[in-house]
Amino acid sequence: MASQGIDVFYLDESGDSQLFVLTGVTIPLLRPTDTGVWRFVWDDYLDLYKTFRASLRAVHGISVRKELHASKLASGRGRYGRHGQQLGPVAGSAIFRWILQRLDQFLPPSSVITVTATPTSNLYGATRLEACLHALFQRMEKACVANRTSAMTFFDQGHAENLAIYRRARVYLPTGSMFGGWFGGKTKNIPMKHFFKDANFKDSKHSLFIQAADLIAYAAKLREKAPLGALTAWQAAAGLGNAYDDIPMAVLNLKASGKDPKGVVRL
């Protein structure tokens, strides 16, 4: 185990045939104390999330047991209103943005990494969603090195195809250099050696942190679609093309990309 403990990465995706988006959210699991005793800290972040959900219920009437599914919430579908009413896109989008603005109430600093790709994106032979996964895995491994942590990963259930890609990345993950290449070639194999155990799958209905990744990935998708004029009328009217800007800068891993002020990696 690395000297500073263990982290858990929660991954979820959002996109369509023309855009692929993947977001990872990092939550500390185990940390050393000043007395040399290890302490489980994951529950601290879960408690913060539960406090936030209680606030969401008090202000907007959304049950603490209701799964936060980004596209349904923002569009006003899914019966998120008090007593199970439909919200409609105006109220749904407003609440979606209200949540994004408060992600720092339960997510740790620099915990969010988002990667986007198009059908023509190519990362060392990987394309589309696979390219997103490779780029995210590279940055997850880099974050572990920087933070001196080991880690494990949870995918949203229903994406079993990601397992084979994850398994390969723990052995072989070609990685480029900010200087244009490595001694001996353009890429270097930097596998996910800080990640133990196989990838895990969890139903988002039962994982608040996967739900958080879904909210962020959906906001990133709309951010990428807006300049293309690809938002629907209600999305444009609600200003959802700018929703990613609502996310507090403190929770974004800005080192993930040197090209985007929000740290979003575009392939």
Protein backbone atom coordinates (compact mmCIF):
# COMPACT_ATOMS: atom_id res chain seq x y z
CA MET A 1 0.00 0.00 0.00
CA ALA A 2 1.22 3.53 -0.79
CA SER A 3 2.38 5.74 2.06
CA GLN A 4 -0.68 8.04 2.12
CA GLY A 5 -3.37 5.39 1.99
CA ILE A 6 -6.10 4.34 -0.44
CA ASP A 7 -8.49 6.24 -2.72
CA VAL A 8 -11.63 5.08 -4.51
CA PHE A 9 -12.39 6.25 -8.05
CA TYR A 10 -16.05 6.31 -9.14
CA LEU A 11 -16.57 6.46 -12.92
CA ASP A 12 -19.59 7.22 -15.07
CA GLU A 13 -20.16 8.27 -18.65
CA SER A 14 -22.52 10.43 -20.69
CA GLY A 15 -22.72 10.87 -24.41
CA ASP A 16 -24.13 9.72 -27.71
CA SER A 17 -22.90 8.56 -31.11
CA GLN A 18 -21.12 11.88 -31.71
CA LEU A 19 -19.67 12.64 -28.29
CA PHE A 20 -18.16 10.48 -25.56
CA VAL A 21 -17.69 11.79 -22.03
CA LEU A 22 -16.24 10.04 -19.00
CA THR A 23 -15.90 11.49 -15.50
CA GLY A 24 -14.02 10.11 -12.53
CA VAL A 25 -14.62 11.24 -8.95
CA THR A 26 -12.01 10.42 -6.30
CA ILE A 27 -12.98 9.76 -2.68
CA PRO A 28 -10.34 9.02 0.00
CA LEU A 29 -10.83 5.68 1.74
CA LEU A 30 -7.91 5.22 4.13
CA ARG A 31 -5.46 7.78 5.52
CA PRO A 32 -2.61 7.74 8.06
CA THR A 33 -2.93 9.78 11.24
CA ASP A 34 -0.23 11.74 13.06
CA THR A 35 0.01 8.92 15.60
CA GLY A 36 0.80 6.36 12.91
CA VAL A 37 -2.62 4.70 13.09
CA TRP A 38 -4.60 4.21 9.90
CA ARG A 39 -8.07 5.74 9.77
CA PHE A 40 -10.96 5.03 7.41
CA VAL A 41 -12.16 8.41 6.14
CA TRP A 42 -14.60 7.33 3.41
CA ASP A 43 -17.54 7.57 5.79
CA ASP A 44 -16.66 11.21 6.49
CA TYR A 45 -17.37 12.07 2.86
CA LEU A 46 -20.50 9.94 2.81
CA ASP A 47 -21.77 11.82 5.87
CA LEU A 48 -21.12 15.12 4.09
CA TYR A 49 -23.06 13.83 1.08
CA LYS A 50 -25.95 12.75 3.29
CA THR A 51 -26.03 16.19 4.89
CA PHE A 52 -26.15 17.72 1.43
CA ARG A 53 -29.01 15.41 0.39
CA ALA A 54 -30.94 16.49 3.50
CA SER A 55 -30.42 20.10 2.40
CA LEU A 56 -31.58 19.23 -1.12
CA ARG A 57 -34.75 17.75 0.34
CA ALA A 58 -35.37 20.75 2.59
CA VAL A 59 -34.92 23.29 -0.21
CA HIS A 60 -36.28 21.46 -3.25
CA GLY A 61 -38.28 18.56 -1.86
CA ILE A 62 -36.23 15.78 -3.48
CA SER A 63 -36.26 12.63 -1.37
CA VAL A 64 -32.90 11.59 0.08
CA ARG A 65 -33.56 8.12 -1.39
CA LYS A 66 -34.19 9.38 -4.92
CA GLU A 67 -31.43 8.56 -7.39
CA LEU A 68 -29.99 11.70 -8.97
CA HIS A 69 -29.94 10.84 -12.65
CA ALA A 70 -28.64 13.91 -14.49
CA SER A 71 -30.58 13.79 -17.76
CA LYS A 72 -33.88 12.99 -16.03
CA LEU A 73 -33.42 15.65 -13.37
CA ALA A 74 -32.34 18.43 -15.73
CA SER A 75 -35.19 17.72 -18.16
CA GLY A 76 -37.73 17.69 -15.33
CA ARG A 77 -38.65 14.04 -15.84
CA GLY A 78 -38.40 11.27 -13.27
CA ARG A 79 -40.86 12.68 -10.70
CA TYR A 80 -38.35 14.62 -8.61
CA GLY A 81 -40.89 17.12 -7.34
CA ARG A 82 -42.54 17.11 -3.94
CA HIS A 83 -44.97 14.20 -3.62
CA GLY A 84 -43.62 12.73 -6.89
CA GLN A 85 -44.69 15.46 -9.30
CA GLN A 86 -42.84 16.11 -12.54
CA LEU A 87 -40.67 19.24 -12.31
CA GLY A 88 -40.54 20.25 -15.96
CA PRO A 89 -37.34 21.49 -17.65
CA VAL A 90 -37.29 24.97 -16.10
CA ALA A 91 -37.34 23.78 -12.49
CA GLY A 92 -35.38 20.61 -13.26
CA SER A 93 -32.51 22.53 -14.89
CA ALA A 94 -32.43 25.05 -12.07
CA ILE A 95 -32.12 22.31 -9.44
CA PHE A 96 -29.49 20.49 -11.52
CA ARG A 97 -27.38 23.65 -11.57
CA TRP A 98 -28.05 24.26 -7.86
CA ILE A 99 -26.53 20.86 -7.13
CA LEU A 100 -23.48 21.45 -9.33
CA GLN A 101 -22.79 24.72 -7.52
CA ARG A 102 -22.55 22.84 -4.21
CA LEU A 103 -20.42 19.85 -5.13
CA ASP A 104 -17.65 21.18 -2.89
CA GLN A 105 -19.87 20.48 0.11
CA PHE A 106 -19.10 16.76 -0.17
CA LEU A 107 -16.38 16.23 -2.79
CA PRO A 108 -12.70 16.68 -1.83
CA PRO A 109 -10.38 19.14 -3.60
CA SER A 110 -9.08 18.20 -7.08
CA SER A 111 -11.26 15.09 -7.10
CA VAL A 112 -12.92 15.46 -10.52
CA ILE A 113 -11.37 14.40 -13.84
CA THR A 114 -13.39 14.60 -17.08
CA VAL A 115 -12.36 13.35 -20.52
CA THR A 116 -14.22 13.89 -23.82
CA ALA A 117 -13.79 12.38 -27.27
CA THR A 118 -15.42 12.49 -30.70
CA PRO A 119 -15.80 9.70 -33.29
CA THR A 120 -12.52 10.83 -34.91
CA SER A 121 -10.49 10.94 -31.68
CA ASN A 122 -7.56 8.53 -31.59
CA LEU A 123 -5.28 7.94 -28.62
CA TYR A 124 -2.50 5.52 -29.54
CA GLY A 125 -4.94 3.36 -31.48
CA ALA A 126 -7.84 3.68 -29.02
CA THR A 127 -10.96 5.47 -30.28
CA ARG A 128 -14.27 6.76 -28.98
CA LEU A 129 -15.11 5.67 -25.41
CA GLU A 130 -12.04 3.44 -25.22
CA ALA A 131 -9.88 6.50 -25.86
CA CYS A 132 -11.69 8.28 -23.00
CA LEU A 133 -11.02 5.35 -20.71
CA HIS A 134 -7.32 5.24 -21.62
CA ALA A 135 -6.91 8.98 -21.05
CA LEU A 136 -8.77 8.83 -17.74
CA PHE A 137 -6.77 5.81 -16.57
CA GLN A 138 -3.54 7.66 -17.35
CA ARG A 139 -4.60 10.58 -15.18
CA MET A 140 -5.91 8.35 -12.41
CA GLU A 141 -2.52 6.66 -12.19
CA LYS A 142 -0.77 10.04 -12.29
CA ALA A 143 -3.00 11.31 -9.45
CA CYS A 144 -2.06 8.29 -7.33
CA VAL A 145 1.62 8.96 -7.92
CA ALA A 146 1.21 12.63 -6.98
CA ASN A 147 -0.88 11.85 -3.89
CA ARG A 148 1.16 8.78 -2.90
CA THR A 149 -1.95 6.64 -2.69
CA SER A 150 -3.11 3.23 -3.86
CA ALA A 151 -6.58 2.98 -5.38
CA MET A 152 -9.52 0.91 -6.48
CA THR A 153 -12.21 1.62 -9.10
CA PHE A 154 -15.99 1.41 -9.34
CA PHE A 155 -17.85 1.59 -12.66
CA ASP A 156 -21.57 2.13 -12.99
CA GLN A 157 -23.25 -1.24 -13.40
CA GLY A 158 -24.22 -2.06 -16.97
CA HIS A 159 -20.89 -1.19 -18.56
CA ALA A 160 -19.20 -4.59 -18.43
CA GLU A 161 -17.33 -3.84 -21.66
CA ASN A 162 -15.09 -1.50 -19.67
CA LEU A 163 -13.69 -4.39 -17.64
CA ALA A 164 -11.43 -5.78 -20.37
CA ILE A 165 -10.03 -2.31 -21.08
CA TYR A 166 -9.38 -1.77 -17.38
CA ARG A 167 -7.62 -5.11 -17.05
CA ARG A 168 -5.33 -4.34 -19.98
CA ALA A 169 -4.53 -0.91 -18.54
CA ARG A 170 -3.25 -2.48 -15.33
CA VAL A 171 -0.62 -4.25 -17.46
CA TYR A 172 -0.20 -2.09 -20.54
CA LEU A 173 -1.13 1.58 -20.77
CA PRO A 174 0.77 3.55 -23.45
CA THR A 175 1.29 7.10 -22.23
CA GLY A 176 2.67 10.12 -24.04
CA SER A 177 4.83 12.89 -22.67
CA MET A 178 4.20 16.62 -22.40
CA PHE A 179 7.59 17.00 -24.08
CA GLY A 180 6.48 15.10 -27.18
CA GLY A 181 7.93 11.70 -26.39
CA TRP A 182 10.11 9.48 -24.25
CA PHE A 183 13.62 8.23 -24.78
CA GLY A 184 13.17 5.44 -27.27
CA GLY A 185 9.71 6.33 -28.56
CA LYS A 186 6.61 8.51 -28.54
CA THR A 187 4.95 6.54 -25.75
CA LYS A 188 5.96 4.72 -22.60
CA ASN A 189 4.10 1.92 -20.87
CA ILE A 190 2.92 3.34 -17.52
CA PRO A 191 0.37 0.78 -16.30
CA MET A 192 -2.03 1.34 -13.42
CA LYS A 193 0.32 -0.23 -10.89
CA HIS A 194 -1.17 1.77 -7.99
CA PHE A 195 -4.55 0.11 -8.52
CA PHE A 196 -5.21 -3.15 -6.71
CA LYS A 197 -8.01 -5.64 -7.25
CA ASP A 198 -10.11 -5.90 -10.38
CA ALA A 199 -12.55 -3.17 -11.38
CA ASN A 200 -15.80 -3.20 -9.42
CA PHE A 201 -19.34 -2.51 -10.59
CA LYS A 202 -22.07 -0.86 -8.57
CA ASP A 203 -25.62 0.11 -9.44
CA SER A 204 -25.74 3.91 -9.50
CA LYS A 205 -29.04 3.71 -7.62
CA HIS A 206 -27.03 2.57 -4.61
CA SER A 207 -23.95 4.77 -5.08
CA LEU A 208 -24.14 8.48 -4.34
CA PHE A 209 -20.65 9.05 -5.70
CA ILE A 210 -21.40 7.41 -9.06
CA GLN A 211 -24.45 9.67 -9.21
CA ALA A 212 -22.12 12.64 -8.66
CA ALA A 213 -19.94 11.47 -11.56
CA ASP A 214 -23.06 11.21 -13.73
CA LEU A 215 -24.11 14.78 -12.90
CA ILE A 216 -20.67 16.10 -13.83
CA ALA A 217 -20.35 14.03 -17.01
CA TYR A 218 -23.75 15.24 -18.22
CA ALA A 219 -22.77 18.87 -17.61
CA ALA A 220 -19.54 18.28 -19.55
CA LYS A 221 -21.45 16.76 -22.44
CA LEU A 222 -23.67 19.83 -22.73
CA ARG A 223 -20.61 22.10 -22.50
CA GLU A 224 -19.10 20.34 -25.52
CA LYS A 225 -22.35 20.35 -27.50
CA ALA A 226 -23.15 24.03 -26.98
CA PRO A 227 -20.54 25.50 -29.40
CA LEU A 228 -21.78 23.06 -32.06
CA GLY A 229 -25.35 24.31 -31.76
CA ALA A 230 -26.34 20.79 -30.76
CA LEU A 231 -28.32 21.58 -27.62
CA THR A 232 -32.07 21.08 -27.65
CA ALA A 233 -34.27 24.14 -27.32
CA TRP A 234 -34.97 23.57 -23.62
CA GLN A 235 -31.29 22.91 -22.86
CA ALA A 236 -30.27 26.13 -24.57
CA ALA A 237 -33.05 28.11 -22.89
CA ALA A 238 -31.88 26.86 -19.48
CA GLY A 239 -28.29 27.85 -20.22
CA LEU A 240 -27.10 24.29 -19.71
CA GLY A 241 -24.23 24.82 -22.12
CA ASN A 242 -22.60 26.73 -19.24
CA ALA A 243 -23.63 24.35 -16.45
CA TYR A 244 -20.12 22.89 -16.11
CA ASP A 245 -18.96 26.36 -15.08
CA ASP A 246 -21.22 26.06 -12.03
CA ILE A 247 -18.94 23.38 -10.58
CA PRO A 248 -16.66 24.90 -7.92
CA MET A 249 -13.11 25.15 -9.22
CA ALA A 250 -11.78 23.63 -5.99
CA VAL A 251 -13.10 20.15 -6.81
CA LEU A 252 -11.71 20.06 -10.37
CA ASN A 253 -8.36 18.42 -11.03
CA LEU A 254 -6.92 21.25 -13.08
CA LYS A 255 -3.68 19.33 -13.67
CA ALA A 256 -5.55 16.80 -15.79
CA SER A 257 -5.28 19.13 -18.77
CA GLY A 258 -2.94 22.00 -19.50
CA LYS A 259 -5.17 23.22 -22.31
CA ASP A 260 -8.54 23.73 -20.62
CA PRO A 261 -9.08 26.16 -17.71
CA LYS A 262 -11.50 23.67 -16.12
CA GLY A 263 -9.14 20.72 -16.51
CA VAL A 264 -11.33 18.94 -19.08
CA VAL A 265 -9.29 16.62 -21.31
CA ARG A 266 -10.31 16.77 -24.97
CA LEU A 267 -9.04 14.04 -27.28
